[in-house]
N, C-alpha and C. Protein backbone atom coordinates (compact mmCIF):
# COMPACT_ATOMS: atom_id res chain seq x y z
N UNK A 1 -15.36 -7.02 -1.47
CA UNK A 1 -14.06 -6.52 -0.84
C UNK A 1 -12.95 -7.47 -1.31
N UNK A 2 -12.03 -7.74 -0.46
CA UNK A 2 -11.03 -8.75 -0.83
C UNK A 2 -11.61 -10.17 -0.67
N UNK A 3 -10.86 -11.17 -1.05
CA UNK A 3 -11.39 -12.53 -0.95
C UNK A 3 -11.45 -12.95 0.52
N UNK A 4 -10.67 -12.41 1.41
CA UNK A 4 -10.60 -12.89 2.74
C UNK A 4 -10.87 -11.81 3.87
N UNK A 5 -10.71 -10.53 3.50
CA UNK A 5 -10.84 -9.49 4.50
C UNK A 5 -11.94 -8.51 4.18
N UNK A 6 -12.45 -7.95 5.28
CA UNK A 6 -13.56 -6.95 5.17
C UNK A 6 -13.27 -5.79 6.12
N UNK A 7 -13.93 -4.72 5.87
CA UNK A 7 -13.83 -3.55 6.75
C UNK A 7 -14.24 -3.99 8.16
N UNK A 8 -13.43 -3.58 9.12
CA UNK A 8 -13.69 -3.92 10.52
C UNK A 8 -12.74 -5.08 10.98
N UNK A 9 -12.22 -5.77 10.04
CA UNK A 9 -11.24 -6.89 10.40
C UNK A 9 -9.93 -6.32 10.84
N UNK A 10 -9.19 -7.01 11.72
CA UNK A 10 -7.93 -6.75 12.10
C UNK A 10 -6.98 -6.93 10.90
N UNK A 11 -6.13 -6.03 10.55
CA UNK A 11 -5.25 -6.18 9.37
C UNK A 11 -4.21 -7.27 9.73
N UNK A 12 -3.99 -8.24 8.84
CA UNK A 12 -2.99 -9.27 9.09
C UNK A 12 -1.60 -8.57 9.24
N UNK A 13 -0.78 -9.18 10.08
CA UNK A 13 0.60 -8.69 10.25
C UNK A 13 1.34 -8.86 8.99
N UNK A 14 2.19 -7.92 8.70
CA UNK A 14 3.06 -8.14 7.47
C UNK A 14 4.52 -7.82 7.89
N UNK A 15 5.40 -8.41 7.19
CA UNK A 15 6.84 -8.19 7.36
C UNK A 15 7.48 -8.47 6.01
N UNK A 16 8.08 -7.47 5.46
CA UNK A 16 8.69 -7.73 4.10
C UNK A 16 9.97 -6.91 3.92
N UNK A 17 10.72 -7.32 2.96
CA UNK A 17 12.03 -6.64 2.78
C UNK A 17 11.77 -5.40 1.84
N UNK A 18 12.56 -4.36 2.15
CA UNK A 18 12.55 -3.15 1.31
C UNK A 18 13.95 -2.86 0.97
N UNK A 19 14.25 -1.68 0.56
CA UNK A 19 15.63 -1.30 0.05
C UNK A 19 16.69 -1.43 1.15
N UNK A 20 17.87 -1.67 0.65
CA UNK A 20 19.02 -1.66 1.53
C UNK A 20 19.05 -2.77 2.61
N UNK A 21 18.21 -3.86 2.34
CA UNK A 21 18.18 -4.91 3.28
C UNK A 21 17.31 -4.69 4.46
N UNK A 22 16.61 -3.53 4.57
CA UNK A 22 15.70 -3.23 5.66
C UNK A 22 14.49 -4.10 5.51
N UNK A 23 13.84 -4.31 6.63
CA UNK A 23 12.48 -4.93 6.66
C UNK A 23 11.52 -3.97 7.29
N UNK A 24 10.32 -4.06 6.80
CA UNK A 24 9.21 -3.16 7.35
C UNK A 24 8.12 -4.15 7.76
N UNK A 25 7.52 -3.79 8.91
CA UNK A 25 6.29 -4.55 9.34
C UNK A 25 5.23 -3.58 9.67
N UNK A 26 3.99 -4.02 9.57
CA UNK A 26 2.82 -3.23 9.89
C UNK A 26 2.88 -2.79 11.35
N UNK A 27 3.44 -3.59 12.21
CA UNK A 27 3.62 -3.31 13.61
C UNK A 27 4.46 -2.03 13.88
N UNK A 28 5.39 -1.74 12.94
CA UNK A 28 6.22 -0.55 13.06
C UNK A 28 5.35 0.70 13.14
N UNK A 29 4.18 0.73 12.62
CA UNK A 29 3.29 1.90 12.56
C UNK A 29 2.07 1.84 13.44
N UNK A 30 1.72 0.71 13.92
CA UNK A 30 0.46 0.53 14.74
C UNK A 30 0.59 1.43 15.98
N UNK A 31 -0.44 2.16 16.27
CA UNK A 31 -0.41 3.04 17.39
C UNK A 31 0.04 4.44 17.06
N UNK A 32 0.77 4.65 15.97
CA UNK A 32 1.32 5.89 15.60
C UNK A 32 0.77 6.47 14.29
N UNK A 33 0.50 5.67 13.27
CA UNK A 33 0.18 6.09 11.98
C UNK A 33 -1.03 5.34 11.48
N UNK A 34 -1.80 6.03 10.67
CA UNK A 34 -2.79 5.42 9.78
C UNK A 34 -1.94 4.91 8.64
N UNK A 35 -2.21 3.72 8.12
CA UNK A 35 -1.47 3.13 7.08
C UNK A 35 -2.34 2.90 5.85
N UNK A 36 -1.77 3.38 4.68
CA UNK A 36 -2.36 3.11 3.42
C UNK A 36 -1.46 1.98 2.82
N UNK A 37 -2.01 0.77 2.80
CA UNK A 37 -1.33 -0.41 2.30
C UNK A 37 -1.87 -0.67 0.91
N UNK A 38 -1.13 -0.35 -0.12
CA UNK A 38 -1.64 -0.49 -1.51
C UNK A 38 -0.86 -1.61 -2.20
N UNK A 39 -1.62 -2.45 -2.89
CA UNK A 39 -1.11 -3.54 -3.62
C UNK A 39 -1.20 -3.20 -5.10
N UNK A 40 -0.15 -3.52 -5.92
CA UNK A 40 -0.18 -3.27 -7.32
C UNK A 40 0.53 -4.35 -8.04
N UNK A 41 0.16 -4.66 -9.31
CA UNK A 41 0.68 -5.80 -10.04
C UNK A 41 2.22 -5.75 -10.35
N UNK A 42 2.72 -4.60 -10.93
CA UNK A 42 4.15 -4.67 -11.39
C UNK A 42 4.74 -3.33 -11.46
N UNK A 43 6.02 -3.26 -11.11
CA UNK A 43 6.70 -1.93 -11.22
C UNK A 43 6.81 -1.56 -12.73
N UNK A 44 6.84 -0.30 -12.96
CA UNK A 44 7.09 0.36 -14.30
C UNK A 44 6.05 -0.01 -15.31
N UNK A 45 4.88 -0.32 -14.89
CA UNK A 45 3.75 -0.47 -15.90
C UNK A 45 2.92 0.76 -15.81
N UNK A 46 2.15 1.11 -16.92
CA UNK A 46 1.44 2.40 -16.94
C UNK A 46 0.51 2.63 -15.72
N UNK A 47 -0.36 1.74 -15.42
CA UNK A 47 -1.32 2.02 -14.31
C UNK A 47 -0.58 2.00 -12.96
N UNK A 48 0.36 1.19 -12.80
CA UNK A 48 1.16 1.13 -11.51
C UNK A 48 1.95 2.40 -11.33
N UNK A 49 2.50 2.86 -12.44
CA UNK A 49 3.30 4.09 -12.36
C UNK A 49 2.38 5.33 -11.99
N UNK A 50 1.23 5.41 -12.65
CA UNK A 50 0.26 6.50 -12.35
C UNK A 50 -0.13 6.45 -10.88
N UNK A 51 -0.43 5.28 -10.42
CA UNK A 51 -0.84 5.17 -8.99
C UNK A 51 0.29 5.58 -8.05
N UNK A 52 1.47 5.07 -8.22
CA UNK A 52 2.61 5.42 -7.35
C UNK A 52 2.85 6.89 -7.41
N UNK A 53 2.83 7.49 -8.63
CA UNK A 53 3.11 8.93 -8.72
C UNK A 53 2.08 9.75 -8.12
N UNK A 54 0.78 9.31 -8.14
CA UNK A 54 -0.34 10.03 -7.47
C UNK A 54 -0.05 10.07 -5.94
N UNK A 55 0.27 8.89 -5.36
CA UNK A 55 0.59 8.82 -4.01
C UNK A 55 1.81 9.63 -3.65
N UNK A 56 2.79 9.58 -4.44
CA UNK A 56 4.00 10.37 -4.25
C UNK A 56 3.64 11.85 -4.17
N UNK A 57 2.87 12.31 -5.16
CA UNK A 57 2.45 13.74 -5.20
C UNK A 57 1.60 14.16 -4.05
N UNK A 58 0.86 13.17 -3.49
CA UNK A 58 -0.01 13.52 -2.31
C UNK A 58 0.63 13.30 -0.94
N UNK A 59 1.96 12.92 -0.98
CA UNK A 59 2.61 12.52 0.32
C UNK A 59 2.74 13.73 1.33
N UNK A 60 2.83 14.94 0.76
CA UNK A 60 2.92 16.08 1.67
C UNK A 60 1.75 16.18 2.59
N UNK A 61 0.55 16.12 1.93
CA UNK A 61 -0.74 16.17 2.74
C UNK A 61 -0.95 14.87 3.60
N UNK A 62 -0.56 13.70 2.96
CA UNK A 62 -0.73 12.47 3.68
C UNK A 62 0.17 12.51 4.93
N UNK A 63 1.38 12.98 4.76
CA UNK A 63 2.37 13.02 5.88
C UNK A 63 1.79 13.92 6.95
N UNK A 64 1.28 15.09 6.55
CA UNK A 64 0.72 16.02 7.57
C UNK A 64 -0.47 15.45 8.30
N UNK A 65 -1.09 14.44 7.69
CA UNK A 65 -2.19 13.74 8.31
C UNK A 65 -1.81 12.57 9.15
N UNK A 66 -0.52 12.34 9.25
CA UNK A 66 0.01 11.22 10.01
C UNK A 66 -0.17 9.85 9.35
N UNK A 67 -0.07 9.89 8.02
CA UNK A 67 -0.35 8.66 7.26
C UNK A 67 0.91 8.13 6.74
N UNK A 68 1.18 6.74 6.85
CA UNK A 68 2.25 6.07 6.22
C UNK A 68 1.73 5.28 5.04
N UNK A 69 2.35 5.48 3.89
CA UNK A 69 1.98 4.77 2.70
C UNK A 69 3.03 3.62 2.50
N UNK A 70 2.53 2.43 2.23
CA UNK A 70 3.35 1.23 1.94
C UNK A 70 2.83 0.60 0.64
N UNK A 71 3.66 0.46 -0.36
CA UNK A 71 3.29 -0.26 -1.58
C UNK A 71 3.83 -1.62 -1.56
N UNK A 72 3.01 -2.56 -2.02
CA UNK A 72 3.39 -3.99 -2.02
C UNK A 72 3.20 -4.61 -3.35
N UNK A 73 4.17 -5.29 -3.93
CA UNK A 73 4.01 -6.08 -5.10
C UNK A 73 4.97 -7.30 -5.04
N UNK A 74 4.82 -8.24 -5.85
CA UNK A 74 5.64 -9.46 -5.80
C UNK A 74 6.97 -9.24 -6.59
N UNK A 75 7.24 -8.06 -6.99
CA UNK A 75 8.51 -7.78 -7.67
C UNK A 75 9.64 -7.75 -6.66
N UNK A 76 10.85 -7.91 -7.18
CA UNK A 76 12.03 -7.99 -6.32
C UNK A 76 12.39 -6.67 -5.70
N UNK A 77 13.17 -6.67 -4.69
CA UNK A 77 13.73 -5.42 -4.08
C UNK A 77 14.46 -4.61 -5.08
N UNK A 78 15.25 -5.23 -5.94
CA UNK A 78 16.05 -4.57 -6.98
C UNK A 78 15.10 -3.88 -7.96
N UNK A 79 14.08 -4.50 -8.34
CA UNK A 79 13.05 -3.86 -9.22
C UNK A 79 12.43 -2.64 -8.56
N UNK A 80 12.09 -2.79 -7.27
CA UNK A 80 11.50 -1.71 -6.50
C UNK A 80 12.48 -0.55 -6.42
N UNK A 81 13.74 -0.88 -6.21
CA UNK A 81 14.74 0.30 -6.13
C UNK A 81 14.77 1.07 -7.42
N UNK A 82 14.80 0.33 -8.53
CA UNK A 82 14.82 1.06 -9.86
C UNK A 82 13.55 1.87 -10.03
N UNK A 83 12.40 1.29 -9.66
CA UNK A 83 11.11 2.02 -9.81
C UNK A 83 11.07 3.26 -8.95
N UNK A 84 11.46 3.10 -7.70
CA UNK A 84 11.60 4.21 -6.74
C UNK A 84 12.46 5.34 -7.29
N UNK A 85 13.66 4.96 -7.73
CA UNK A 85 14.69 5.96 -8.23
C UNK A 85 14.16 6.66 -9.51
N UNK A 86 13.58 5.89 -10.39
CA UNK A 86 13.09 6.49 -11.71
C UNK A 86 11.97 7.54 -11.41
N UNK A 87 11.13 7.29 -10.47
CA UNK A 87 9.97 8.18 -10.30
C UNK A 87 10.05 8.93 -8.96
N UNK A 88 11.20 8.97 -8.24
CA UNK A 88 11.45 9.62 -6.99
C UNK A 88 10.29 9.37 -6.00
N UNK A 89 10.01 8.04 -5.80
CA UNK A 89 8.96 7.69 -4.90
C UNK A 89 9.42 7.94 -3.44
N UNK A 90 8.53 8.45 -2.61
CA UNK A 90 8.87 8.88 -1.28
C UNK A 90 8.20 8.08 -0.18
N UNK A 91 8.01 6.79 -0.45
CA UNK A 91 7.45 5.85 0.52
C UNK A 91 8.04 4.50 0.26
N UNK A 92 8.03 3.57 1.20
CA UNK A 92 8.61 2.28 0.97
C UNK A 92 7.78 1.37 0.02
N UNK A 93 8.49 0.64 -0.82
CA UNK A 93 7.91 -0.46 -1.59
C UNK A 93 8.35 -1.75 -1.03
N UNK A 94 7.43 -2.64 -0.67
CA UNK A 94 7.77 -3.91 -0.09
C UNK A 94 7.71 -5.04 -1.12
N UNK A 95 8.72 -5.89 -1.00
CA UNK A 95 8.80 -7.04 -1.90
C UNK A 95 8.16 -8.26 -1.28
N UNK A 96 7.18 -8.85 -1.96
CA UNK A 96 6.46 -9.99 -1.47
C UNK A 96 6.70 -11.18 -2.42
N UNK A 97 7.93 -11.45 -2.68
CA UNK A 97 8.31 -12.48 -3.68
C UNK A 97 7.80 -13.89 -3.29
N UNK A 98 7.59 -14.11 -2.00
CA UNK A 98 7.07 -15.42 -1.56
C UNK A 98 5.52 -15.44 -1.59
N UNK A 99 4.89 -14.29 -1.89
CA UNK A 99 3.47 -14.10 -2.03
C UNK A 99 2.69 -14.36 -0.73
N UNK A 100 3.31 -14.23 0.40
CA UNK A 100 2.62 -14.41 1.70
C UNK A 100 1.63 -13.30 1.97
N UNK A 101 2.08 -12.08 1.75
CA UNK A 101 1.24 -10.90 2.08
C UNK A 101 0.01 -10.85 1.06
N UNK A 102 0.27 -11.04 -0.22
CA UNK A 102 -0.87 -11.03 -1.15
C UNK A 102 -1.87 -12.13 -0.82
N UNK A 103 -1.41 -13.30 -0.37
CA UNK A 103 -2.32 -14.37 0.02
C UNK A 103 -3.07 -13.99 1.30
N UNK A 104 -2.37 -13.44 2.33
CA UNK A 104 -3.01 -13.08 3.59
C UNK A 104 -4.08 -12.01 3.36
N UNK A 105 -3.85 -11.15 2.42
CA UNK A 105 -4.84 -10.07 2.16
C UNK A 105 -5.85 -10.41 1.11
N UNK A 106 -5.71 -11.61 0.57
CA UNK A 106 -6.66 -12.11 -0.46
C UNK A 106 -6.65 -11.29 -1.81
N UNK A 107 -5.38 -10.88 -2.18
CA UNK A 107 -5.30 -10.10 -3.42
C UNK A 107 -4.39 -10.73 -4.44
N UNK A 108 -4.10 -11.95 -4.30
CA UNK A 108 -3.25 -12.69 -5.27
C UNK A 108 -4.07 -12.94 -6.55
N UNK A 109 -3.43 -12.53 -7.66
CA UNK A 109 -4.13 -12.80 -8.99
C UNK A 109 -3.91 -14.17 -9.45
N UNK A 110 -4.56 -14.56 -10.54
CA UNK A 110 -4.44 -15.87 -11.07
C UNK A 110 -2.95 -16.14 -11.52
N UNK A 111 -2.24 -15.09 -11.94
CA UNK A 111 -0.83 -15.21 -12.36
C UNK A 111 0.12 -15.13 -11.21
N UNK A 112 -0.30 -14.98 -9.98
CA UNK A 112 0.55 -14.90 -8.81
C UNK A 112 1.02 -13.60 -8.40
N UNK A 113 0.69 -12.58 -9.21
CA UNK A 113 1.08 -11.17 -8.81
C UNK A 113 -0.03 -10.63 -7.88
N UNK A 114 0.05 -9.39 -7.53
CA UNK A 114 -0.94 -8.75 -6.69
C UNK A 114 -2.02 -8.14 -7.56
N UNK A 115 -3.27 -8.22 -7.19
CA UNK A 115 -4.31 -7.42 -7.77
C UNK A 115 -4.26 -6.02 -7.24
N UNK A 116 -4.67 -5.10 -8.00
CA UNK A 116 -4.63 -3.67 -7.52
C UNK A 116 -5.77 -3.42 -6.53
N UNK A 117 -5.34 -3.24 -5.23
CA UNK A 117 -6.36 -2.98 -4.18
C UNK A 117 -5.57 -2.15 -3.07
N UNK A 118 -6.35 -1.39 -2.36
CA UNK A 118 -5.75 -0.58 -1.26
C UNK A 118 -6.55 -0.81 0.00
N UNK A 119 -5.82 -0.97 1.09
CA UNK A 119 -6.43 -1.10 2.43
C UNK A 119 -6.03 0.13 3.28
N UNK A 120 -7.05 0.76 3.93
CA UNK A 120 -6.84 1.86 4.80
C UNK A 120 -6.92 1.29 6.20
N UNK A 121 -5.85 1.36 6.93
CA UNK A 121 -5.72 0.68 8.25
C UNK A 121 -5.55 1.82 9.34
N UNK A 122 -6.38 1.78 10.36
CA UNK A 122 -6.32 2.84 11.32
C UNK A 122 -5.17 2.56 12.33
N UNK A 123 -4.93 3.48 13.23
CA UNK A 123 -3.82 3.40 14.20
C UNK A 123 -3.91 2.15 15.04
N UNK A 124 -5.07 1.64 15.24
CA UNK A 124 -5.31 0.37 16.00
C UNK A 124 -5.10 -0.91 15.24
N UNK A 125 -4.81 -0.77 13.96
CA UNK A 125 -4.59 -1.93 13.10
C UNK A 125 -5.80 -2.58 12.52
N UNK A 126 -6.93 -1.80 12.51
CA UNK A 126 -8.23 -2.26 11.97
C UNK A 126 -8.41 -1.67 10.50
N UNK A 127 -8.84 -2.53 9.65
CA UNK A 127 -9.19 -2.08 8.32
C UNK A 127 -10.43 -1.21 8.29
N UNK A 128 -10.27 0.02 7.86
CA UNK A 128 -11.39 0.97 7.84
C UNK A 128 -12.01 1.15 6.43
N UNK A 129 -11.24 0.86 5.39
CA UNK A 129 -11.80 0.97 4.02
C UNK A 129 -10.93 0.12 3.14
N UNK A 130 -11.55 -0.44 2.12
CA UNK A 130 -10.92 -1.19 1.08
C UNK A 130 -11.33 -0.69 -0.31
N UNK A 131 -10.30 -0.34 -1.13
CA UNK A 131 -10.58 0.04 -2.50
C UNK A 131 -10.32 -1.17 -3.33
N UNK A 132 -11.36 -1.65 -4.04
CA UNK A 132 -11.17 -2.75 -5.02
C UNK A 132 -11.08 -2.23 -6.35
N UNK A 133 -11.53 -0.97 -6.63
CA UNK A 133 -11.37 -0.27 -7.86
C UNK A 133 -10.64 1.05 -7.51
N UNK A 134 -9.54 1.25 -8.21
CA UNK A 134 -8.68 2.44 -7.91
C UNK A 134 -8.63 3.30 -9.10
N UNK A 135 -8.79 4.62 -8.88
CA UNK A 135 -8.50 5.62 -9.96
C UNK A 135 -7.02 5.87 -9.85
N UNK A 136 -6.22 5.23 -10.70
CA UNK A 136 -4.77 5.24 -10.51
C UNK A 136 -4.24 6.71 -10.61
N UNK A 137 -4.77 7.49 -11.46
CA UNK A 137 -4.29 8.87 -11.63
C UNK A 137 -4.60 9.82 -10.47
N UNK A 138 -5.61 9.44 -9.70
CA UNK A 138 -6.08 10.32 -8.58
C UNK A 138 -6.21 9.54 -7.31
N UNK A 139 -5.50 8.49 -7.07
CA UNK A 139 -5.60 7.68 -5.93
C UNK A 139 -5.29 8.41 -4.62
N UNK A 140 -4.28 9.30 -4.64
CA UNK A 140 -4.03 10.10 -3.43
C UNK A 140 -5.27 10.93 -3.03
N UNK A 141 -5.98 11.49 -3.98
CA UNK A 141 -7.07 12.29 -3.73
C UNK A 141 -8.19 11.38 -3.09
N UNK A 142 -8.39 10.20 -3.64
CA UNK A 142 -9.40 9.26 -3.08
C UNK A 142 -9.04 8.92 -1.61
N UNK A 143 -7.83 8.70 -1.38
CA UNK A 143 -7.36 8.26 0.00
C UNK A 143 -7.50 9.42 0.94
N UNK A 144 -7.13 10.56 0.53
CA UNK A 144 -7.23 11.76 1.46
C UNK A 144 -8.65 12.06 1.82
N UNK A 145 -9.51 12.04 0.78
CA UNK A 145 -10.93 12.23 1.05
C UNK A 145 -11.57 11.30 1.96
N UNK A 146 -11.18 9.97 1.81
CA UNK A 146 -11.72 8.94 2.68
C UNK A 146 -11.22 9.07 4.15
N UNK A 147 -9.96 9.44 4.29
CA UNK A 147 -9.38 9.59 5.64
C UNK A 147 -10.11 10.75 6.32
N UNK A 148 -10.44 11.83 5.58
CA UNK A 148 -11.09 12.94 6.19
C UNK A 148 -12.57 12.56 6.51
N UNK A 149 -13.17 11.82 5.57
CA UNK A 149 -14.58 11.39 5.78
C UNK A 149 -14.73 10.49 7.05
N UNK A 150 -13.70 9.60 7.25
CA UNK A 150 -13.78 8.76 8.41
C UNK A 150 -13.19 9.37 9.72
N UNK A 151 -12.64 10.59 9.59
CA UNK A 151 -12.11 11.31 10.74
C UNK A 151 -10.90 10.59 11.29
N UNK A 152 -10.05 10.07 10.40
CA UNK A 152 -8.84 9.33 10.81
C UNK A 152 -7.61 10.25 10.99
N UNK A 153 -7.75 11.50 10.54
CA UNK A 153 -6.53 12.34 10.50
C UNK A 153 -6.45 13.22 11.79
């Protein structure tokens, strides 16, 4: 799994900056939404773009299931804004420039960026599944199937 977290663990609290000076925290969604917290290495790289676009394209069904998607990388808010605008991403990207979230979730790479991993967090804030290997082109399908399998929708 991750270096520090396993299925059944309480998801560590997060708070990070997103576009327009807004901050987003995991607590904003606890009790109301299942959260797909996905970590990716860098904006505008081939694999990261495929993964983000897969989730973008699956947002209709994910939204209908009561799911909130949050993307996290160590890139700046300005980089995230450009990435979001270029690919019409329809979920928040969180900037973890201080690398606190990637460390708390055990996904920091040797270079200090995030390793590609996704955490499925239930409405109670408990980690229900961890993807350590992601099919970037079909990640939304993987996530939707797992949410249905676990009866989280």
